[in-house]
PDB file of N, CA and C in Angstrom:
ATOM      1  N   MET A   1       0.883  -1.345  -0.231  1.00  0.00           N
ATOM      2  CA  MET A   1      -0.150  -0.043  -0.303  1.00  0.00           C
ATOM      3  C   MET A   1       1.053   1.029  -0.646  1.00  0.00           C
ATOM      4  N   ARG A   2       1.754   1.302   0.477  1.00  0.00           N
ATOM      5  CA  ARG A   2       2.753   2.121   0.706  1.00  0.00           C
ATOM      6  C   ARG A   2       3.269   2.809  -0.555  1.00  0.00           C
ATOM      7  N   ILE A   3       3.072   1.725  -1.703  1.00  0.00           N
ATOM      8  CA  ILE A   3       3.654   2.446  -2.704  1.00  0.00           C
ATOM      9  C   ILE A   3       3.032   2.552  -3.774  1.00  0.00           C
ATOM     10  N   VAL A   4       1.814   2.255  -3.424  1.00  0.00           N
ATOM     11  CA  VAL A   4       0.452   2.707  -3.845  1.00  0.00           C
ATOM     12  C   VAL A   4       0.595   4.488  -3.558  1.00  0.00           C
ATOM     13  N   GLY A   5       0.878   4.797  -2.010  1.00  0.00           N
ATOM     14  CA  GLY A   5       0.496   5.567  -2.018  1.00  0.00           C
ATOM     15  C   GLY A   5       1.211   6.853  -2.200  1.00  0.00           C
ATOM     16  N   LEU A   6       2.862   6.359  -3.129  1.00  0.00           N
ATOM     17  CA  LEU A   6       4.177   7.273  -3.061  1.00  0.00           C
ATOM     18  C   LEU A   6       3.204   7.530  -4.594  1.00  0.00           C
ATOM     19  N   LEU A   7       3.247   6.666  -5.315  1.00  0.00           N
ATOM     20  CA  LEU A   7       2.759   6.611  -6.805  1.00  0.00           C
ATOM     21  C   LEU A   7       1.918   7.713  -6.799  1.00  0.00           C
ATOM     22  N   ILE A   8       0.676   7.777  -6.014  1.00  0.00           N
ATOM     23  CA  ILE A   8      -0.569   8.846  -6.445  1.00  0.00           C
ATOM     24  C   ILE A   8       0.176  10.188  -6.275  1.00  0.00           C
ATOM     25  N   VAL A   9       1.047   9.641  -4.623  1.00  0.00           N
ATOM     26  CA  VAL A   9       1.451  11.775  -4.588  1.00  0.00           C
ATOM     27  C   VAL A   9       2.371  11.992  -5.618  1.00  0.00           C
ATOM     28  N   MET A  10       3.026  11.151  -6.368  1.00  0.00           N
ATOM     29  CA  MET A  10       4.227  11.723  -7.387  1.00  0.00           C
ATOM     30  C   MET A  10       3.294  12.113  -8.580  1.00  0.00           C
ATOM     31  N   VAL A  11       2.060  11.363  -8.859  1.00  0.00           N
ATOM     32  CA  VAL A  11       1.533  11.577 -10.305  1.00  0.00           C
ATOM     33  C   VAL A  11       0.556  12.771 -10.042  1.00  0.00           C
ATOM     34  N   LEU A  12       0.316  13.236  -9.042  1.00  0.00           N
ATOM     35  CA  LEU A  12      -0.557  14.522  -8.475  1.00  0.00           C
ATOM     36  C   LEU A  12       0.408  15.639  -8.712  1.00  0.00           C
ATOM     37  N   VAL A  13       2.055  15.374  -7.863  1.00  0.00           N
ATOM     38  CA  VAL A  13       2.686  16.234  -8.183  1.00  0.00           C
ATOM     39  C   VAL A  13       3.410  16.555  -9.834  1.00  0.00           C
ATOM     40  N   MET A  14       3.693  15.404 -10.329  1.00  0.00           N
ATOM     41  CA  MET A  14       4.107  15.785 -11.913  1.00  0.00           C
ATOM     42  C   MET A  14       3.011  16.545 -12.737  1.00  0.00           C
ATOM     43  N   MET A  15       1.560  16.248 -12.422  1.00  0.00           N
ATOM     44  CA  MET A  15       0.552  17.122 -12.955  1.00  0.00           C
ATOM     45  C   MET A  15       0.169  18.433 -12.537  1.00  0.00           C
ATOM     46  N   GLY A  16       1.278  18.401 -11.298  1.00  0.00           N
ATOM     47  CA  GLY A  16       1.346  20.016 -11.645  1.00  0.00           C
ATOM     48  C   GLY A  16       1.773  20.619 -11.701  1.00  0.00           C
ATOM     49  N   VAL A  17       2.994  19.974 -12.128  1.00  0.00           N
ATOM     50  CA  VAL A  17       4.382  20.496 -12.571  1.00  0.00           C
ATOM     51  C   VAL A  17       3.798  20.900 -14.297  1.00  0.00           C
ATOM     52  N   THR A  18       3.204  20.020 -14.762  1.00  0.00           N
ATOM     53  CA  THR A  18       2.755  19.733 -15.942  1.00  0.00           C
ATOM     54  C   THR A  18       1.508  21.078 -16.216  1.00  0.00           C
ATOM     55  N   ASN A  19       1.169  21.312 -15.473  1.00  0.00           N
ATOM     56  CA  ASN A  19      -0.314  22.173 -15.619  1.00  0.00           C
ATOM     57  C   ASN A  19       0.080  23.719 -15.575  1.00  0.00           C
ATOM     58  N   GLY A  20       1.816  24.289 -15.482  1.00  0.00           N
ATOM     59  CA  GLY A  20       1.730  25.534 -16.148  1.00  0.00           C
ATOM     60  C   GLY A  20       2.702  25.809 -13.962  1.00  0.00           C
ATOM     61  N   GLY A  21       2.234  24.577 -13.452  1.00  0.00           N
ATOM     62  CA  GLY A  21       3.526  24.738 -12.442  1.00  0.00           C
ATOM     63  C   GLY A  21       4.986  24.961 -12.272  1.00  0.00           C
ATOM     64  N   ASP A  22       6.016  25.324 -10.947  1.00  0.00           N
ATOM     65  CA  ASP A  22       7.298  24.661 -11.827  1.00  0.00           C
ATOM     66  C   ASP A  22       7.320  24.063 -10.532  1.00  0.00           C
ATOM     67  N   LEU A  23       8.427  22.686 -10.217  1.00  0.00           N
ATOM     68  CA  LEU A  23       8.819  22.334  -9.494  1.00  0.00           C
ATOM     69  C   LEU A  23       9.591  22.924  -8.253  1.00  0.00           C
ATOM     70  N   SER A  24       9.955  24.291  -8.907  1.00  0.00           N
ATOM     71  CA  SER A  24      10.775  24.981  -7.220  1.00  0.00           C
ATOM     72  C   SER A  24       9.457  25.012  -6.570  1.00  0.00           C
ATOM     73  N   HIS A  25       8.378  25.153  -7.366  1.00  0.00           N
ATOM     74  CA  HIS A  25       7.378  25.439  -5.781  1.00  0.00           C
ATOM     75  C   HIS A  25       7.342  24.953  -4.578  1.00  0.00           C
ATOM     76  N   ILE A  26       7.368  23.433  -5.122  1.00  0.00           N
ATOM     77  CA  ILE A  26       7.404  22.423  -4.199  1.00  0.00           C
ATOM     78  C   ILE A  26       8.793  22.137  -3.530  1.00  0.00           C
ATOM     79  N   VAL A  27      10.037  22.076  -4.006  1.00  0.00           N
ATOM     80  CA  VAL A  27      11.177  21.595  -3.426  1.00  0.00           C
ATOM     81  C   VAL A  27      11.805  23.130  -3.331  1.00  0.00           C
ATOM     82  N   ASP A  28      12.597  23.665  -2.497  1.00  0.00           N
ATOM     83  CA  ASP A  28      12.768  24.333  -1.857  1.00  0.00           C
ATOM     84  C   ASP A  28      14.971  24.165  -1.484  1.00  0.00           C
ATOM     85  N   VAL A  29      15.378  24.057  -2.494  1.00  0.00           N
ATOM     86  CA  VAL A  29      16.687  23.152  -3.234  1.00  0.00           C
ATOM     87  C   VAL A  29      17.724  24.084  -1.362  1.00  0.00           C
ATOM     88  N   PRO A  30      18.227  24.934  -1.158  1.00  0.00           N
ATOM     89  CA  PRO A  30      19.111  25.697  -0.174  1.00  0.00           C
ATOM     90  C   PRO A  30      18.412  25.705   1.263  1.00  0.00           C
ATOM     91  N   SER A  31      16.986  24.925   1.431  1.00  0.00           N
ATOM     92  CA  SER A  31      16.412  24.674   2.462  1.00  0.00           C
ATOM     93  C   SER A  31      16.248  23.061   2.814  1.00  0.00           C
ATOM     94  N   LEU A  32      16.283  22.701   1.727  1.00  0.00           N
ATOM     95  CA  LEU A  32      16.800  20.931   1.753  1.00  0.00           C
ATOM     96  C   LEU A  32      18.491  21.350   2.441  1.00  0.00           C
ATOM     97  N   ILE A  33      19.107  21.824   1.446  1.00  0.00           N
ATOM     98  CA  ILE A  33      20.464  21.693   1.955  1.00  0.00           C
ATOM     99  C   ILE A  33      20.598  21.693   3.378  1.00  0.00           C
ATOM    100  N   ILE A  34      20.162  22.845   3.910  1.00  0.00           N
ATOM    101  CA  ILE A  34      20.538  23.322   5.314  1.00  0.00           C
ATOM    102  C   ILE A  34      19.789  22.500   6.256  1.00  0.00           C
ATOM    103  N   VAL A  35      18.736  21.403   6.266  1.00  0.00           N
ATOM    104  CA  VAL A  35      18.234  20.391   6.683  1.00  0.00           C
ATOM    105  C   VAL A  35      18.772  19.396   6.559  1.00  0.00           C
ATOM    106  N   ALA A  36      19.492  19.017   5.874  1.00  0.00           N
ATOM    107  CA  ALA A  36      20.062  17.478   5.044  1.00  0.00           C
ATOM    108  C   ALA A  36      21.700  18.090   6.288  1.00  0.00           C
ATOM    109  N   GLY A  37      21.854  18.899   5.638  1.00  0.00           N
ATOM    110  CA  GLY A  37      23.292  19.672   6.082  1.00  0.00           C
ATOM    111  C   GLY A  37      23.727  19.796   7.392  1.00  0.00           C
ATOM    112  N   VAL A  38      22.587  20.302   8.605  1.00  0.00           N
ATOM    113  CA  VAL A  38      22.544  20.022  10.043  1.00  0.00           C
ATOM    114  C   VAL A  38      22.523  18.481  10.536  1.00  0.00           C
ATOM    115  N   THR A  39      21.493  18.007   9.978  1.00  0.00           N
ATOM    116  CA  THR A  39      21.454  16.803  10.130  1.00  0.00           C
ATOM    117  C   THR A  39      22.488  15.467  10.834  1.00  0.00           C
ATOM    118  N   LEU A  40      22.473  16.282   9.196  1.00  0.00           N
ATOM    119  CA  LEU A  40      24.244  14.544   8.915  1.00  0.00           C
ATOM    120  C   LEU A  40      25.294  15.333   9.755  1.00  0.00           C
ATOM    121  N   GLY A  41      25.782  16.385   9.885  1.00  0.00           N
ATOM    122  CA  GLY A  41      26.653  17.429  10.848  1.00  0.00           C
ATOM    123  C   GLY A  41      26.753  16.882  12.043  1.00  0.00           C
ATOM    124  N   LEU A  42      24.724  16.997  12.849  1.00  0.00           N
ATOM    125  CA  LEU A  42      24.394  16.551  14.442  1.00  0.00           C
ATOM    126  C   LEU A  42      25.045  15.091  14.076  1.00  0.00           C
ATOM    127  N   CYS A  43      24.269  14.371  13.831  1.00  0.00           N
ATOM    128  CA  CYS A  43      24.898  12.490  13.621  1.00  0.00           C
ATOM    129  C   CYS A  43      26.445  12.265  13.653  1.00  0.00           C
ATOM    130  N   LEU A  44      26.814  13.338  12.567  1.00  0.00           N
ATOM    131  CA  LEU A  44      28.345  12.731  12.600  1.00  0.00           C
ATOM    132  C   LEU A  44      29.210  13.420  13.859  1.00  0.00           C
ATOM    133  N   GLN A  45      28.914  14.531  14.828  1.00  0.00           N
ATOM    134  CA  GLN A  45      28.946  15.204  15.388  1.00  0.00           C
ATOM    135  C   GLN A  45      28.908  14.744  17.503  1.00  0.00           C
ATOM    136  N   GLY A  46      27.622  14.013  16.792  1.00  0.00           N
ATOM    137  CA  GLY A  46      27.018  12.804  17.804  1.00  0.00           C
ATOM    138  C   GLY A  46      27.871  11.699  18.194  1.00  0.00           C
ATOM    139  N   GLY A  47      28.165  10.642  17.361  1.00  0.00           N
ATOM    140  CA  GLY A  47      28.389  10.544  17.070  1.00  0.00           C
ATOM    141  C   GLY A  47      27.688   8.494  16.563  1.00  0.00           C
ATOM    142  N   LEU A  48      26.355   9.091  16.063  1.00  0.00           N
ATOM    143  CA  LEU A  48      25.315   7.917  15.848  1.00  0.00           C
ATOM    144  C   LEU A  48      26.266   7.258  15.169  1.00  0.00           C
ATOM    145  N   PRO A  49      25.168   5.619  14.993  1.00  0.00           N
ATOM    146  CA  PRO A  49      25.820   4.573  13.354  1.00  0.00           C
ATOM    147  C   PRO A  49      24.913   5.124  12.794  1.00  0.00           C
ATOM    148  N   LEU A  50      25.585   6.017  11.593  1.00  0.00           N
ATOM    149  CA  LEU A  50      24.296   7.085  10.265  1.00  0.00           C
ATOM    150  C   LEU A  50      23.902   5.904   9.613  1.00  0.00           C
ATOM    151  N   GLY A  51      24.399   4.720   9.523  1.00  0.00           N
ATOM    152  CA  GLY A  51      23.845   3.692   8.779  1.00  0.00           C
ATOM    153  C   GLY A  51      22.946   2.923   9.659  1.00  0.00           C
ATOM    154  N   MET A  52      22.885   2.598  10.387  1.00  0.00           N
ATOM    155  CA  MET A  52      21.508   1.759  11.252  1.00  0.00           C
ATOM    156  C   MET A  52      20.522   2.870  11.448  1.00  0.00           C
ATOM    157  N   VAL A  53      21.189   4.532  11.481  1.00  0.00           N
ATOM    158  CA  VAL A  53      19.762   4.942  12.085  1.00  0.00           C
ATOM    159  C   VAL A  53      18.517   5.430  10.508  1.00  0.00           C
ATOM    160  N   ALA A  54      19.509   5.574   9.484  1.00  0.00           N
ATOM    161  CA  ALA A  54      19.287   5.848   7.993  1.00  0.00           C
ATOM    162  C   ALA A  54      18.459   4.809   8.285  1.00  0.00           C
ATOM    163  N   LYS A  55      18.471   2.933   8.095  1.00  0.00           N
ATOM    164  CA  LYS A  55      17.388   1.946   7.730  1.00  0.00           C
ATOM    165  C   LYS A  55      16.178   1.892   8.377  1.00  0.00           C
ATOM    166  N   SER A  56      16.800   2.764  10.376  1.00  0.00           N
ATOM    167  CA  SER A  56      15.661   2.367  10.974  1.00  0.00           C
ATOM    168  C   SER A  56      14.167   3.112  10.029  1.00  0.00           C
ATOM    169  N   LEU A  57      14.606   4.224   9.200  1.00  0.00           N
ATOM    170  CA  LEU A  57      13.606   5.553   9.216  1.00  0.00           C
ATOM    171  C   LEU A  57      12.906   4.528   8.405  1.00  0.00           C
ATOM    172  N   PHE A  58      13.343   4.056   7.215  1.00  0.00           N
ATOM    173  CA  PHE A  58      12.633   2.972   6.311  1.00  0.00           C
ATOM    174  C   PHE A  58      11.855   1.769   6.177  1.00  0.00           C
ATOM    175  N   GLY A  59      12.025   1.576   8.169  1.00  0.00           N
ATOM    176  CA  GLY A  59      11.520   0.142   7.828  1.00  0.00           C
ATOM    177  C   GLY A  59      12.590  -1.092   8.223  1.00  0.00           C
ATOM    178  N   ALA A  60      13.840  -0.766   8.539  1.00  0.00           N
ATOM    179  CA  ALA A  60      14.003  -1.729   8.952  1.00  0.00           C
ATOM    180  C   ALA A  60      13.845  -2.911  10.283  1.00  0.00           C
ATOM    181  N   GLU A  61      13.675  -3.782  10.491  1.00  0.00           N
ATOM    182  CA  GLU A  61      13.917  -4.217  11.508  1.00  0.00           C
ATOM    183  C   GLU A  61      15.148  -4.956  12.414  1.00  0.00           C
ATOM    184  N   TYR A  62      14.925  -4.814  13.508  1.00  0.00           N
ATOM    185  CA  TYR A  62      16.148  -4.816  14.468  1.00  0.00           C
ATOM    186  C   TYR A  62      16.268  -5.523  15.678  1.00  0.00           C
ATOM    187  N   GLN A  63      16.742  -6.751  16.203  1.00  0.00           N
ATOM    188  CA  GLN A  63      16.677  -7.117  16.772  1.00  0.00           C
ATOM    189  C   GLN A  63      17.860  -7.458  17.790  1.00  0.00           C
ATOM    190  N   GLY A  64      17.624  -7.816  19.493  1.00  0.00           N
ATOM    191  CA  GLY A  64      18.773  -7.503  19.724  1.00  0.00           C
ATOM    192  C   GLY A  64      19.544  -6.837  19.928  1.00  0.00           C
ATOM    193  N   ALA A  65      21.287  -6.431  19.943  1.00  0.00           N
ATOM    194  CA  ALA A  65      21.776  -5.880  20.172  1.00  0.00           C
ATOM    195  C   ALA A  65      22.074  -4.201  19.559  1.00  0.00           C
ATOM    196  N   GLU A  66      21.346  -4.726  17.794  1.00  0.00           N
ATOM    197  CA  GLU A  66      21.213  -3.725  16.831  1.00  0.00           C
ATOM    198  C   GLU A  66      20.166  -2.770  17.245  1.00  0.00           C
ATOM    199  N   LEU A  67      19.034  -3.396  18.269  1.00  0.00           N
ATOM    200  CA  LEU A  67      17.137  -2.569  18.466  1.00  0.00           C
ATOM    201  C   LEU A  67      18.049  -1.898  20.003  1.00  0.00           C
ATOM    202  N   ARG A  68      19.068  -1.871  20.406  1.00  0.00           N
ATOM    203  CA  ARG A  68      19.368  -1.474  21.506  1.00  0.00           C
ATOM    204  C   ARG A  68      20.273   0.147  20.996  1.00  0.00           C
ATOM    205  N   ALA A  69      21.241  -0.212  19.848  1.00  0.00           N
ATOM    206  CA  ALA A  69      22.082   0.989  19.397  1.00  0.00           C
ATOM    207  C   ALA A  69      20.923   1.515  19.054  1.00  0.00           C
ATOM    208  N   VAL A  70      20.379   1.512  18.306  1.00  0.00           N
ATOM    209  CA  VAL A  70      19.082   2.199  17.100  1.00  0.00           C
ATOM    210  C   VAL A  70      18.563   3.308  18.093  1.00  0.00           C
ATOM    211  N   ILE A  71      17.868   2.573  19.094  1.00  0.00           N
ATOM    212  CA  ILE A  71      16.994   2.872  20.277  1.00  0.00           C
ATOM    213  C   ILE A  71      18.134   4.341  20.541  1.00  0.00           C
ATOM    214  N   GLN A  72      19.223   3.735  21.116  1.00  0.00           N
ATOM    215  CA  GLN A  72      20.310   4.856  21.934  1.00  0.00           C
ATOM    216  C   GLN A  72      20.327   6.031  21.029  1.00  0.00           C
ATOM    217  N   ALA A  73      20.850   5.479  19.775  1.00  0.00           N
ATOM    218  CA  ALA A  73      21.029   6.286  18.575  1.00  0.00           C
ATOM    219  C   ALA A  73      19.976   7.674  18.532  1.00  0.00           C
ATOM    220  N   TRP A  74      18.637   7.355  18.752  1.00  0.00           N
ATOM    221  CA  TRP A  74      17.205   8.389  18.159  1.00  0.00           C
ATOM    222  C   TRP A  74      16.713   8.611  19.839  1.00  0.00           C
ATOM    223  N   GLN A  75      17.441   8.219  21.133  1.00  0.00           N
ATOM    224  CA  GLN A  75      17.059   8.832  22.608  1.00  0.00           C
ATOM    225  C   GLN A  75      18.510  10.054  22.571  1.00  0.00           C
ATOM    226  N   HIS A  76      19.237   9.708  21.693  1.00  0.00           N
ATOM    227  CA  HIS A  76      20.295  11.429  21.659  1.00  0.00           C
ATOM    228  C   HIS A  76      20.304  12.334  20.988  1.00  0.00           C
TER     229      HIS A  76
END
């Protein structure tokens, strides 16, 4: 179902862009760079396991020690 929802959103965005809209109305590149850069910088500064945190964002399932490490990373 997630894929269907994602496809619907993408189709609607593309319909809006092709009907006289502009993609820059949807995506603000300087803001994206600031948010992504600050987030990455803080994660690196804090010593978080970036790979495990990123996987947890996309629904990876962890067990045991890996799960504890991801939980601790999100708590900091």
